[in-house]
Amino acid sequence: MNADIYIVRHGNTFDPGDTLLRVGARTDLALSLSGCEQADRLGRHFRERDIVFSSIRTGPLRRTRETTDRIGAYQRSLADIRIEPFLKEIDYGPDEGVAESEVLARIGPAGLQAWEEAGRPPPGWIVDPPALEASWRSLFEHLQSTPGAHLVVTSNGIARFARSAIGDRGPGKLSTGGYGVIRLSAGGPEALCWNERP
C-alpha cells in the first residue's frame, strides 16, 4: 500500500495591486483575500476527489497555519495537526521584506534563475539545502509505513527541496495555492505531479 504526500504551498499573502515583497521566515503575514480563496479551492478540490488526510503537518507561520485550517474545514474528519519547525520558511537575509524589483536588481536575473530552477540560494540568503533535504527524507521515512494520504503545508522555499530529497531533479517551485504529490511505495519514492493548482 502506498503513502501519498500532498505538499501544499500556502495561499497568497498579497493581492493584486499590492507591492510584492520577498517574505520569508522573519515575516509572519496572514493570508490575503485571494490567499483565503486559494486555500478554500484546495479544500474543495481535495474533498471532491474524496481525499481524506490521515495526518496533517504544517509550518508555524500564520500563512501556512491558515491555509491548513481552511483545507481542514473541508475534510470529512480532521486528523490532528502537527506543527513541524523545519516547514517554516527560509530566511532571505538582506532581501527579507524587500520589493521583488529590488531583489532582482541586487541578485540579478542569473541569481534568481539559479534559485528558481536549481534551488541554489543567492549570496546572503540563509538556507541549508542538504539539511532541508535530510528533513524531508526523515519525514518521508516516518510516513512511509502509514498508507493513505498525508497533508504537508509549507512555503515555496522549503517545498522546493522535497523533490531533490528523493533524487528528482525536476523543477521544485510551487505556486501559491499549488501542490505536488510524492508517492512513497515499495518501488521507491516518486513525484506523481507537481505545481498543480485547482
N, C-alpha and C. Protein backbone atom coordinates (compact mmCIF):
# COMPACT_ATOMS: atom_id res chain seq x y z
N MET A 1 0.85 -1.20 0.00
CA MET A 1 0.00 0.00 0.00
C MET A 1 0.89 1.26 0.00
N ASN A 2 0.45 2.28 -0.68
CA ASN A 2 1.25 3.50 -0.84
C ASN A 2 0.89 4.57 0.17
N ALA A 3 1.86 5.44 0.43
CA ALA A 3 1.60 6.67 1.18
C ALA A 3 1.79 7.82 0.20
N ASP A 4 0.77 8.64 0.04
CA ASP A 4 0.83 9.79 -0.86
C ASP A 4 0.93 11.07 -0.05
N ILE A 5 2.01 11.81 -0.27
CA ILE A 5 2.27 13.03 0.48
C ILE A 5 1.87 14.23 -0.38
N TYR A 6 0.83 14.92 0.03
CA TYR A 6 0.35 16.12 -0.67
C TYR A 6 1.06 17.32 -0.06
N ILE A 7 1.97 17.89 -0.83
CA ILE A 7 2.76 19.03 -0.37
C ILE A 7 2.15 20.30 -0.94
N VAL A 8 1.62 21.14 -0.07
CA VAL A 8 0.88 22.34 -0.47
C VAL A 8 1.68 23.58 -0.10
N ARG A 9 1.74 24.51 -1.05
CA ARG A 9 2.27 25.83 -0.71
C ARG A 9 1.11 26.70 -0.25
N HIS A 10 1.33 27.44 0.82
CA HIS A 10 0.29 28.33 1.36
C HIS A 10 -0.26 29.27 0.28
N GLY A 11 -1.41 29.85 0.56
CA GLY A 11 -2.02 30.81 -0.36
C GLY A 11 -1.33 32.16 -0.35
N ASN A 12 -1.80 33.03 -1.21
CA ASN A 12 -1.23 34.38 -1.35
C ASN A 12 -1.24 35.15 -0.03
N THR A 13 -0.22 35.99 0.11
CA THR A 13 -0.19 36.95 1.21
C THR A 13 -0.32 38.38 0.68
N PHE A 14 -0.36 38.51 -0.64
CA PHE A 14 -0.56 39.81 -1.29
C PHE A 14 -1.67 39.65 -2.32
N ASP A 15 -2.44 40.71 -2.51
CA ASP A 15 -3.50 40.72 -3.50
C ASP A 15 -3.08 41.56 -4.70
N PRO A 16 -3.79 41.42 -5.84
CA PRO A 16 -3.47 42.26 -7.00
C PRO A 16 -3.46 43.73 -6.62
N GLY A 17 -2.43 44.42 -7.07
CA GLY A 17 -2.28 45.84 -6.75
C GLY A 17 -1.36 46.10 -5.58
N ASP A 18 -1.12 45.08 -4.74
CA ASP A 18 -0.18 45.24 -3.63
C ASP A 18 1.26 45.20 -4.16
N THR A 19 2.17 45.84 -3.45
CA THR A 19 3.58 45.73 -3.77
C THR A 19 4.09 44.38 -3.29
N LEU A 20 4.61 43.58 -4.22
CA LEU A 20 5.10 42.25 -3.86
C LEU A 20 6.44 42.36 -3.16
N LEU A 21 6.51 41.76 -1.98
CA LEU A 21 7.74 41.75 -1.19
C LEU A 21 8.24 40.31 -1.08
N ARG A 22 9.53 40.16 -0.90
CA ARG A 22 10.13 38.85 -0.66
C ARG A 22 9.98 38.57 0.84
N VAL A 23 9.07 37.68 1.20
CA VAL A 23 8.82 37.40 2.62
C VAL A 23 9.24 35.98 2.95
N GLY A 24 9.94 35.85 4.05
CA GLY A 24 10.45 34.56 4.47
C GLY A 24 10.18 34.29 5.93
N ALA A 25 11.16 33.68 6.59
CA ALA A 25 11.00 33.20 7.96
C ALA A 25 10.76 34.30 8.97
N ARG A 26 11.22 35.52 8.69
CA ARG A 26 11.10 36.61 9.67
C ARG A 26 9.85 37.45 9.47
N THR A 27 9.03 37.11 8.48
CA THR A 27 7.84 37.90 8.16
C THR A 27 6.61 37.01 8.28
N ASP A 28 5.83 37.23 9.33
CA ASP A 28 4.71 36.33 9.63
C ASP A 28 3.39 36.96 9.20
N LEU A 29 3.10 36.90 7.90
CA LEU A 29 1.89 37.50 7.35
C LEU A 29 0.72 36.52 7.37
N ALA A 30 -0.48 37.09 7.46
CA ALA A 30 -1.71 36.31 7.29
C ALA A 30 -1.98 36.16 5.79
N LEU A 31 -2.89 35.26 5.47
CA LEU A 31 -3.33 35.13 4.08
C LEU A 31 -4.08 36.40 3.67
N SER A 32 -3.91 36.78 2.42
CA SER A 32 -4.71 37.86 1.85
C SER A 32 -6.07 37.29 1.45
N LEU A 33 -6.95 38.14 0.96
CA LEU A 33 -8.26 37.68 0.50
C LEU A 33 -8.11 36.62 -0.58
N SER A 34 -7.25 36.87 -1.57
CA SER A 34 -7.06 35.88 -2.63
C SER A 34 -6.41 34.61 -2.09
N GLY A 35 -5.56 34.74 -1.06
CA GLY A 35 -4.95 33.57 -0.44
C GLY A 35 -5.97 32.70 0.26
N CYS A 36 -6.94 33.33 0.92
CA CYS A 36 -8.04 32.58 1.55
C CYS A 36 -8.83 31.83 0.49
N GLU A 37 -9.09 32.49 -0.63
CA GLU A 37 -9.83 31.85 -1.71
C GLU A 37 -9.04 30.65 -2.27
N GLN A 38 -7.72 30.80 -2.41
CA GLN A 38 -6.89 29.69 -2.89
C GLN A 38 -6.96 28.50 -1.93
N ALA A 39 -6.87 28.77 -0.64
CA ALA A 39 -6.92 27.70 0.35
C ALA A 39 -8.27 27.00 0.33
N ASP A 40 -9.35 27.77 0.19
CA ASP A 40 -10.68 27.17 0.10
C ASP A 40 -10.81 26.31 -1.16
N ARG A 41 -10.25 26.79 -2.27
CA ARG A 41 -10.28 26.00 -3.51
C ARG A 41 -9.57 24.66 -3.33
N LEU A 42 -8.42 24.71 -2.64
CA LEU A 42 -7.69 23.47 -2.35
C LEU A 42 -8.55 22.53 -1.51
N GLY A 43 -9.18 23.07 -0.48
CA GLY A 43 -10.03 22.25 0.37
C GLY A 43 -11.16 21.59 -0.41
N ARG A 44 -11.83 22.35 -1.27
CA ARG A 44 -12.91 21.79 -2.09
C ARG A 44 -12.36 20.76 -3.08
N HIS A 45 -11.21 21.07 -3.66
CA HIS A 45 -10.57 20.17 -4.64
C HIS A 45 -10.31 18.80 -4.01
N PHE A 46 -9.73 18.79 -2.82
CA PHE A 46 -9.43 17.51 -2.17
C PHE A 46 -10.71 16.79 -1.76
N ARG A 47 -11.70 17.54 -1.26
CA ARG A 47 -12.97 16.92 -0.86
C ARG A 47 -13.67 16.29 -2.07
N GLU A 48 -13.69 17.01 -3.19
CA GLU A 48 -14.36 16.49 -4.39
C GLU A 48 -13.70 15.22 -4.90
N ARG A 49 -12.42 15.04 -4.61
CA ARG A 49 -11.69 13.84 -5.03
C ARG A 49 -11.66 12.79 -3.92
N ASP A 50 -12.42 13.04 -2.87
CA ASP A 50 -12.54 12.12 -1.74
C ASP A 50 -11.18 11.80 -1.11
N ILE A 51 -10.33 12.82 -1.03
CA ILE A 51 -9.02 12.66 -0.40
C ILE A 51 -9.17 13.07 1.06
N VAL A 52 -9.00 12.10 1.93
CA VAL A 52 -9.08 12.33 3.37
C VAL A 52 -7.68 12.12 3.94
N PHE A 53 -7.16 13.12 4.60
CA PHE A 53 -5.79 13.07 5.10
C PHE A 53 -5.73 12.36 6.45
N SER A 54 -4.85 11.36 6.53
CA SER A 54 -4.69 10.64 7.79
C SER A 54 -3.71 11.33 8.72
N SER A 55 -2.91 12.24 8.19
CA SER A 55 -2.06 13.07 9.04
C SER A 55 -1.89 14.43 8.36
N ILE A 56 -1.69 15.45 9.19
CA ILE A 56 -1.53 16.81 8.69
C ILE A 56 -0.36 17.46 9.41
N ARG A 57 0.55 18.02 8.60
CA ARG A 57 1.70 18.75 9.14
C ARG A 57 1.76 20.12 8.49
N THR A 58 2.15 21.11 9.28
CA THR A 58 2.22 22.46 8.76
C THR A 58 3.39 23.19 9.39
N GLY A 59 3.82 24.25 8.70
CA GLY A 59 4.82 25.13 9.29
C GLY A 59 4.17 26.03 10.32
N PRO A 60 4.98 26.72 11.14
CA PRO A 60 4.43 27.53 12.23
C PRO A 60 3.94 28.93 11.85
N LEU A 61 4.24 29.40 10.64
CA LEU A 61 3.84 30.75 10.26
C LEU A 61 2.33 30.83 10.01
N ARG A 62 1.76 32.03 10.22
CA ARG A 62 0.31 32.22 10.07
C ARG A 62 -0.18 31.80 8.70
N ARG A 63 0.54 32.13 7.65
CA ARG A 63 0.06 31.83 6.29
C ARG A 63 -0.07 30.33 6.04
N THR A 64 0.84 29.54 6.64
CA THR A 64 0.72 28.09 6.47
C THR A 64 -0.36 27.51 7.38
N ARG A 65 -0.45 28.02 8.60
CA ARG A 65 -1.47 27.50 9.52
C ARG A 65 -2.88 27.85 9.02
N GLU A 66 -3.05 29.07 8.49
CA GLU A 66 -4.38 29.45 7.98
C GLU A 66 -4.74 28.62 6.75
N THR A 67 -3.78 28.36 5.89
CA THR A 67 -4.04 27.50 4.73
C THR A 67 -4.45 26.11 5.19
N THR A 68 -3.74 25.59 6.17
CA THR A 68 -4.04 24.26 6.72
C THR A 68 -5.45 24.22 7.30
N ASP A 69 -5.79 25.23 8.09
CA ASP A 69 -7.12 25.26 8.73
C ASP A 69 -8.23 25.34 7.68
N ARG A 70 -8.01 26.11 6.63
CA ARG A 70 -9.05 26.26 5.61
C ARG A 70 -9.22 24.97 4.81
N ILE A 71 -8.12 24.30 4.51
CA ILE A 71 -8.22 22.99 3.84
C ILE A 71 -8.93 22.01 4.77
N GLY A 72 -8.53 22.01 6.04
CA GLY A 72 -9.12 21.09 7.01
C GLY A 72 -10.62 21.27 7.17
N ALA A 73 -11.12 22.48 6.97
CA ALA A 73 -12.56 22.73 7.11
C ALA A 73 -13.39 21.93 6.11
N TYR A 74 -12.77 21.45 5.05
CA TYR A 74 -13.48 20.68 4.02
C TYR A 74 -13.31 19.17 4.18
N GLN A 75 -12.55 18.74 5.17
CA GLN A 75 -12.34 17.32 5.38
C GLN A 75 -13.53 16.70 6.10
N ARG A 76 -13.85 15.44 5.75
CA ARG A 76 -14.93 14.73 6.43
C ARG A 76 -14.59 14.49 7.90
N SER A 77 -13.34 14.17 8.14
CA SER A 77 -12.85 14.05 9.51
C SER A 77 -11.46 14.66 9.52
N LEU A 78 -11.14 15.35 10.59
CA LEU A 78 -9.90 16.09 10.63
C LEU A 78 -8.86 15.37 11.47
N ALA A 79 -7.74 15.07 10.85
CA ALA A 79 -6.62 14.48 11.59
C ALA A 79 -6.00 15.55 12.48
N ASP A 80 -5.27 15.12 13.49
CA ASP A 80 -4.54 16.07 14.33
C ASP A 80 -3.55 16.85 13.48
N ILE A 81 -3.43 18.13 13.75
CA ILE A 81 -2.49 18.98 13.02
C ILE A 81 -1.22 19.11 13.84
N ARG A 82 -0.11 18.79 13.19
CA ARG A 82 1.18 18.83 13.86
C ARG A 82 2.04 19.93 13.24
N ILE A 83 2.61 20.78 14.06
CA ILE A 83 3.49 21.84 13.56
C ILE A 83 4.91 21.32 13.52
N GLU A 84 5.53 21.43 12.33
CA GLU A 84 6.90 20.97 12.12
C GLU A 84 7.78 22.20 11.91
N PRO A 85 8.74 22.45 12.79
CA PRO A 85 9.58 23.64 12.66
C PRO A 85 10.32 23.75 11.33
N PHE A 86 10.75 22.64 10.75
CA PHE A 86 11.53 22.73 9.50
C PHE A 86 10.69 23.23 8.33
N LEU A 87 9.37 23.18 8.46
CA LEU A 87 8.48 23.62 7.39
C LEU A 87 8.25 25.13 7.40
N LYS A 88 8.93 25.87 8.25
CA LYS A 88 8.68 27.30 8.44
C LYS A 88 8.88 28.10 7.16
N GLU A 89 10.08 28.35 6.77
CA GLU A 89 10.44 29.10 5.56
C GLU A 89 11.91 29.41 5.67
N ILE A 90 12.53 29.73 4.57
CA ILE A 90 13.93 30.14 4.63
C ILE A 90 14.00 31.61 5.00
N ASP A 91 15.20 32.06 5.34
CA ASP A 91 15.45 33.46 5.68
C ASP A 91 16.12 34.12 4.48
N TYR A 92 15.48 35.13 3.92
CA TYR A 92 16.01 35.78 2.73
C TYR A 92 17.08 36.83 3.02
N GLY A 93 17.58 36.83 4.23
CA GLY A 93 18.71 37.70 4.56
C GLY A 93 18.45 39.15 4.20
N PRO A 94 19.34 39.77 3.40
CA PRO A 94 19.18 41.19 3.06
C PRO A 94 17.96 41.47 2.18
N ASP A 95 17.34 40.43 1.64
CA ASP A 95 16.18 40.62 0.77
C ASP A 95 14.85 40.39 1.48
N GLU A 96 14.90 40.08 2.79
CA GLU A 96 13.68 39.87 3.56
C GLU A 96 12.88 41.16 3.63
N GLY A 97 11.62 41.11 3.19
CA GLY A 97 10.73 42.26 3.24
C GLY A 97 11.01 43.32 2.19
N VAL A 98 11.81 42.98 1.18
CA VAL A 98 12.21 43.93 0.13
C VAL A 98 11.36 43.68 -1.11
N ALA A 99 11.05 44.73 -1.84
CA ALA A 99 10.27 44.60 -3.07
C ALA A 99 11.00 43.69 -4.06
N GLU A 100 10.23 42.87 -4.76
CA GLU A 100 10.81 41.91 -5.71
C GLU A 100 11.70 42.59 -6.75
N SER A 101 11.32 43.79 -7.19
CA SER A 101 12.14 44.50 -8.18
C SER A 101 13.53 44.82 -7.63
N GLU A 102 13.60 45.15 -6.33
CA GLU A 102 14.89 45.44 -5.70
C GLU A 102 15.70 44.16 -5.50
N VAL A 103 15.02 43.06 -5.18
CA VAL A 103 15.71 41.78 -5.04
C VAL A 103 16.36 41.40 -6.37
N LEU A 104 15.62 41.54 -7.45
CA LEU A 104 16.14 41.21 -8.77
C LEU A 104 17.33 42.11 -9.12
N ALA A 105 17.24 43.38 -8.77
CA ALA A 105 18.35 44.30 -9.04
C ALA A 105 19.60 43.89 -8.26
N ARG A 106 19.44 43.38 -7.05
CA ARG A 106 20.59 43.01 -6.23
C ARG A 106 21.23 41.71 -6.69
N ILE A 107 20.40 40.67 -6.92
CA ILE A 107 20.99 39.36 -7.22
C ILE A 107 21.11 39.09 -8.71
N GLY A 108 20.41 39.86 -9.53
CA GLY A 108 20.49 39.69 -10.98
C GLY A 108 19.64 38.54 -11.48
N PRO A 109 19.30 38.55 -12.79
CA PRO A 109 18.46 37.50 -13.36
C PRO A 109 19.06 36.11 -13.22
N ALA A 110 20.40 36.00 -13.38
CA ALA A 110 21.03 34.68 -13.29
C ALA A 110 20.92 34.12 -11.87
N GLY A 111 21.06 35.01 -10.87
CA GLY A 111 20.94 34.56 -9.49
C GLY A 111 19.55 34.08 -9.16
N LEU A 112 18.54 34.81 -9.65
CA LEU A 112 17.16 34.40 -9.42
C LEU A 112 16.85 33.11 -10.17
N GLN A 113 17.35 32.98 -11.39
CA GLN A 113 17.12 31.77 -12.17
C GLN A 113 17.76 30.55 -11.50
N ALA A 114 18.97 30.72 -10.93
CA ALA A 114 19.63 29.61 -10.25
C ALA A 114 18.80 29.14 -9.05
N TRP A 115 18.16 30.08 -8.36
CA TRP A 115 17.28 29.71 -7.25
C TRP A 115 16.02 29.04 -7.75
N GLU A 116 15.36 29.66 -8.72
CA GLU A 116 14.08 29.14 -9.21
C GLU A 116 14.22 27.76 -9.84
N GLU A 117 15.27 27.55 -10.59
CA GLU A 117 15.39 26.30 -11.35
C GLU A 117 16.19 25.21 -10.65
N ALA A 118 17.16 25.61 -9.83
CA ALA A 118 18.04 24.60 -9.24
C ALA A 118 18.11 24.67 -7.71
N GLY A 119 17.42 25.62 -7.09
CA GLY A 119 17.45 25.71 -5.64
C GLY A 119 18.78 26.17 -5.07
N ARG A 120 19.56 26.89 -5.88
CA ARG A 120 20.85 27.43 -5.40
C ARG A 120 20.60 28.84 -4.88
N PRO A 121 20.72 29.02 -3.56
CA PRO A 121 20.40 30.34 -2.98
C PRO A 121 21.43 31.40 -3.33
N PRO A 122 20.97 32.63 -3.55
CA PRO A 122 21.89 33.75 -3.79
C PRO A 122 22.69 34.08 -2.53
N PRO A 123 23.78 34.82 -2.67
CA PRO A 123 24.56 35.23 -1.50
C PRO A 123 23.69 36.01 -0.50
N GLY A 124 23.86 35.68 0.77
CA GLY A 124 23.15 36.38 1.82
C GLY A 124 21.89 35.68 2.30
N TRP A 125 21.31 34.79 1.49
CA TRP A 125 20.13 34.06 1.93
C TRP A 125 20.57 32.97 2.90
N ILE A 126 19.79 32.75 3.92
CA ILE A 126 20.14 31.78 4.95
C ILE A 126 19.32 30.52 4.71
N VAL A 127 19.93 29.57 4.05
CA VAL A 127 19.26 28.32 3.70
C VAL A 127 20.31 27.23 3.58
N ASP A 128 19.98 26.05 4.07
CA ASP A 128 20.88 24.91 4.06
C ASP A 128 20.23 23.78 3.28
N PRO A 129 20.41 23.73 1.95
CA PRO A 129 19.74 22.69 1.15
C PRO A 129 19.97 21.27 1.64
N PRO A 130 21.21 20.85 1.97
CA PRO A 130 21.38 19.47 2.45
C PRO A 130 20.58 19.17 3.72
N ALA A 131 20.52 20.13 4.63
CA ALA A 131 19.75 19.92 5.86
C ALA A 131 18.26 19.82 5.57
N LEU A 132 17.76 20.66 4.65
CA LEU A 132 16.34 20.59 4.30
C LEU A 132 16.01 19.28 3.60
N GLU A 133 16.86 18.84 2.71
CA GLU A 133 16.64 17.54 2.06
C GLU A 133 16.63 16.41 3.09
N ALA A 134 17.53 16.49 4.07
CA ALA A 134 17.57 15.46 5.12
C ALA A 134 16.28 15.48 5.94
N SER A 135 15.75 16.68 6.22
CA SER A 135 14.49 16.79 6.97
C SER A 135 13.33 16.19 6.18
N TRP A 136 13.29 16.46 4.88
CA TRP A 136 12.25 15.85 4.04
C TRP A 136 12.39 14.33 4.02
N ARG A 137 13.61 13.82 3.86
CA ARG A 137 13.80 12.36 3.84
C ARG A 137 13.36 11.72 5.15
N SER A 138 13.66 12.39 6.26
CA SER A 138 13.25 11.88 7.57
C SER A 138 11.72 11.82 7.67
N LEU A 139 11.05 12.87 7.21
CA LEU A 139 9.59 12.88 7.22
C LEU A 139 9.03 11.77 6.34
N PHE A 140 9.60 11.60 5.14
CA PHE A 140 9.12 10.56 4.24
C PHE A 140 9.32 9.17 4.86
N GLU A 141 10.46 8.95 5.49
CA GLU A 141 10.71 7.65 6.14
C GLU A 141 9.68 7.39 7.23
N HIS A 142 9.33 8.43 7.96
CA HIS A 142 8.34 8.29 9.03
C HIS A 142 6.95 7.95 8.46
N LEU A 143 6.58 8.60 7.35
CA LEU A 143 5.24 8.43 6.79
C LEU A 143 5.10 7.20 5.91
N GLN A 144 6.21 6.65 5.45
CA GLN A 144 6.17 5.53 4.51
C GLN A 144 5.41 4.33 5.07
N SER A 145 5.45 4.15 6.36
CA SER A 145 4.79 2.98 6.96
C SER A 145 3.31 3.22 7.25
N THR A 146 2.82 4.41 6.89
CA THR A 146 1.40 4.73 7.12
C THR A 146 0.72 4.97 5.78
N PRO A 147 0.03 3.97 5.23
CA PRO A 147 -0.62 4.14 3.93
C PRO A 147 -1.69 5.22 3.98
N GLY A 148 -2.00 5.74 2.80
CA GLY A 148 -3.05 6.75 2.68
C GLY A 148 -2.49 8.09 2.27
N ALA A 149 -3.30 9.12 2.46
CA ALA A 149 -2.93 10.48 2.06
C ALA A 149 -2.50 11.28 3.29
N HIS A 150 -1.44 12.06 3.11
CA HIS A 150 -0.91 12.90 4.18
C HIS A 150 -0.74 14.31 3.63
N LEU A 151 -1.14 15.31 4.42
CA LEU A 151 -1.05 16.71 4.00
C LEU A 151 0.14 17.37 4.68
N VAL A 152 0.93 18.09 3.88
CA VAL A 152 2.04 18.88 4.40
C VAL A 152 1.90 20.28 3.80
N VAL A 153 1.75 21.30 4.64
CA VAL A 153 1.59 22.68 4.16
C VAL A 153 2.82 23.47 4.58
N THR A 154 3.44 24.12 3.60
CA THR A 154 4.67 24.83 3.86
C THR A 154 4.80 26.00 2.89
N SER A 155 6.01 26.50 2.78
CA SER A 155 6.31 27.62 1.89
C SER A 155 7.06 27.10 0.68
N ASN A 156 7.19 27.94 -0.32
CA ASN A 156 7.91 27.55 -1.52
C ASN A 156 9.39 27.29 -1.24
N GLY A 157 10.00 28.11 -0.37
CA GLY A 157 11.41 27.95 -0.07
C GLY A 157 11.74 26.60 0.52
N ILE A 158 10.81 26.00 1.23
CA ILE A 158 11.00 24.68 1.84
C ILE A 158 10.51 23.58 0.91
N ALA A 159 9.34 23.78 0.29
CA ALA A 159 8.74 22.75 -0.57
C ALA A 159 9.66 22.34 -1.71
N ARG A 160 10.40 23.30 -2.25
CA ARG A 160 11.23 23.01 -3.44
C ARG A 160 12.26 21.92 -3.18
N PHE A 161 12.61 21.67 -1.92
CA PHE A 161 13.63 20.66 -1.62
C PHE A 161 13.04 19.26 -1.41
N ALA A 162 11.72 19.13 -1.45
CA ALA A 162 11.11 17.81 -1.30
C ALA A 162 11.46 16.92 -2.49
N ARG A 163 11.44 17.48 -3.68
CA ARG A 163 11.75 16.68 -4.87
C ARG A 163 13.21 16.26 -4.90
N SER A 164 14.11 17.21 -4.62
CA SER A 164 15.52 16.85 -4.65
C SER A 164 15.86 15.85 -3.54
N ALA A 165 15.07 15.84 -2.46
CA ALA A 165 15.30 14.89 -1.37
C ALA A 165 15.09 13.45 -1.82
N ILE A 166 14.29 13.25 -2.86
CA ILE A 166 14.07 11.88 -3.37
C ILE A 166 14.86 11.63 -4.65
N GLY A 167 15.78 12.55 -4.97
CA GLY A 167 16.62 12.36 -6.15
C GLY A 167 15.97 12.80 -7.45
N ASP A 168 14.84 13.50 -7.37
CA ASP A 168 14.14 14.00 -8.55
C ASP A 168 14.61 15.43 -8.80
N ARG A 169 15.22 15.67 -9.92
CA ARG A 169 15.78 17.00 -10.21
C ARG A 169 14.85 17.87 -11.05
N GLY A 170 13.56 17.53 -11.08
CA GLY A 170 12.61 18.37 -11.80
C GLY A 170 12.44 19.70 -11.09
N PRO A 171 11.76 20.65 -11.74
CA PRO A 171 11.54 21.95 -11.12
C PRO A 171 10.89 21.81 -9.75
N GLY A 172 11.41 22.54 -8.78
CA GLY A 172 10.91 22.39 -7.42
C GLY A 172 9.89 23.43 -7.01
N LYS A 173 9.77 24.51 -7.75
CA LYS A 173 8.90 25.62 -7.33
C LYS A 173 7.43 25.21 -7.32
N LEU A 174 6.75 25.62 -6.26
CA LEU A 174 5.29 25.51 -6.18
C LEU A 174 4.71 26.92 -6.19
N SER A 175 3.68 27.13 -6.97
CA SER A 175 2.98 28.41 -6.97
C SER A 175 2.13 28.51 -5.70
N THR A 176 1.81 29.74 -5.28
CA THR A 176 0.92 29.88 -4.12
C THR A 176 -0.40 29.17 -4.43
N GLY A 177 -0.90 28.45 -3.43
CA GLY A 177 -2.13 27.69 -3.63
C GLY A 177 -1.95 26.49 -4.52
N GLY A 178 -0.71 26.08 -4.76
CA GLY A 178 -0.43 24.91 -5.59
C GLY A 178 0.04 23.75 -4.73
N TYR A 179 0.08 22.58 -5.35
CA TYR A 179 0.53 21.40 -4.61
C TYR A 179 1.22 20.40 -5.53
N GLY A 180 1.92 19.49 -4.90
CA GLY A 180 2.53 18.36 -5.58
C GLY A 180 2.28 17.12 -4.74
N VAL A 181 2.41 15.96 -5.37
CA VAL A 181 2.20 14.70 -4.65
C VAL A 181 3.44 13.83 -4.84
N ILE A 182 3.98 13.40 -3.72
CA ILE A 182 5.07 12.43 -3.74
C ILE A 182 4.53 11.12 -3.19
N ARG A 183 4.67 10.08 -3.99
CA ARG A 183 4.20 8.75 -3.58
C ARG A 183 5.36 7.96 -3.01
N LEU A 184 5.13 7.39 -1.85
CA LEU A 184 6.10 6.51 -1.21
C LEU A 184 5.59 5.09 -1.36
N SER A 185 6.33 4.26 -2.08
CA SER A 185 5.90 2.89 -2.33
C SER A 185 7.10 1.96 -2.23
N ALA A 186 6.83 0.67 -2.35
CA ALA A 186 7.91 -0.33 -2.28
C ALA A 186 8.92 -0.10 -3.40
N GLY A 187 8.48 0.45 -4.50
CA GLY A 187 9.37 0.71 -5.63
C GLY A 187 10.22 1.96 -5.46
N GLY A 188 10.02 2.68 -4.37
CA GLY A 188 10.77 3.91 -4.13
C GLY A 188 9.89 5.13 -4.29
N PRO A 189 10.35 6.28 -3.82
CA PRO A 189 9.54 7.50 -3.91
C PRO A 189 9.53 8.07 -5.32
N GLU A 190 8.40 8.68 -5.69
CA GLU A 190 8.31 9.36 -6.98
C GLU A 190 7.32 10.50 -6.90
N ALA A 191 7.60 11.55 -7.67
CA ALA A 191 6.68 12.69 -7.76
C ALA A 191 5.61 12.35 -8.78
N LEU A 192 4.36 12.24 -8.33
CA LEU A 192 3.25 11.93 -9.24
C LEU A 192 2.82 13.17 -10.02
N CYS A 193 2.90 14.32 -9.37
CA CYS A 193 2.56 15.59 -10.03
C CYS A 193 3.24 16.69 -9.24
N TRP A 194 3.33 17.86 -9.87
CA TRP A 194 3.97 18.99 -9.18
C TRP A 194 3.41 20.29 -9.73
N ASN A 195 3.21 21.22 -8.84
CA ASN A 195 2.71 22.55 -9.16
C ASN A 195 1.33 22.52 -9.81
N GLU A 196 0.47 21.69 -9.25
CA GLU A 196 -0.94 21.64 -9.66
C GLU A 196 -1.69 22.73 -8.90
N ARG A 197 -2.60 23.39 -9.60
CA ARG A 197 -3.43 24.40 -8.94
C ARG A 197 -4.88 24.17 -9.31
N PRO A 198 -5.75 23.95 -8.31
CA PRO A 198 -7.17 23.75 -8.65
C PRO A 198 -7.82 25.05 -9.11
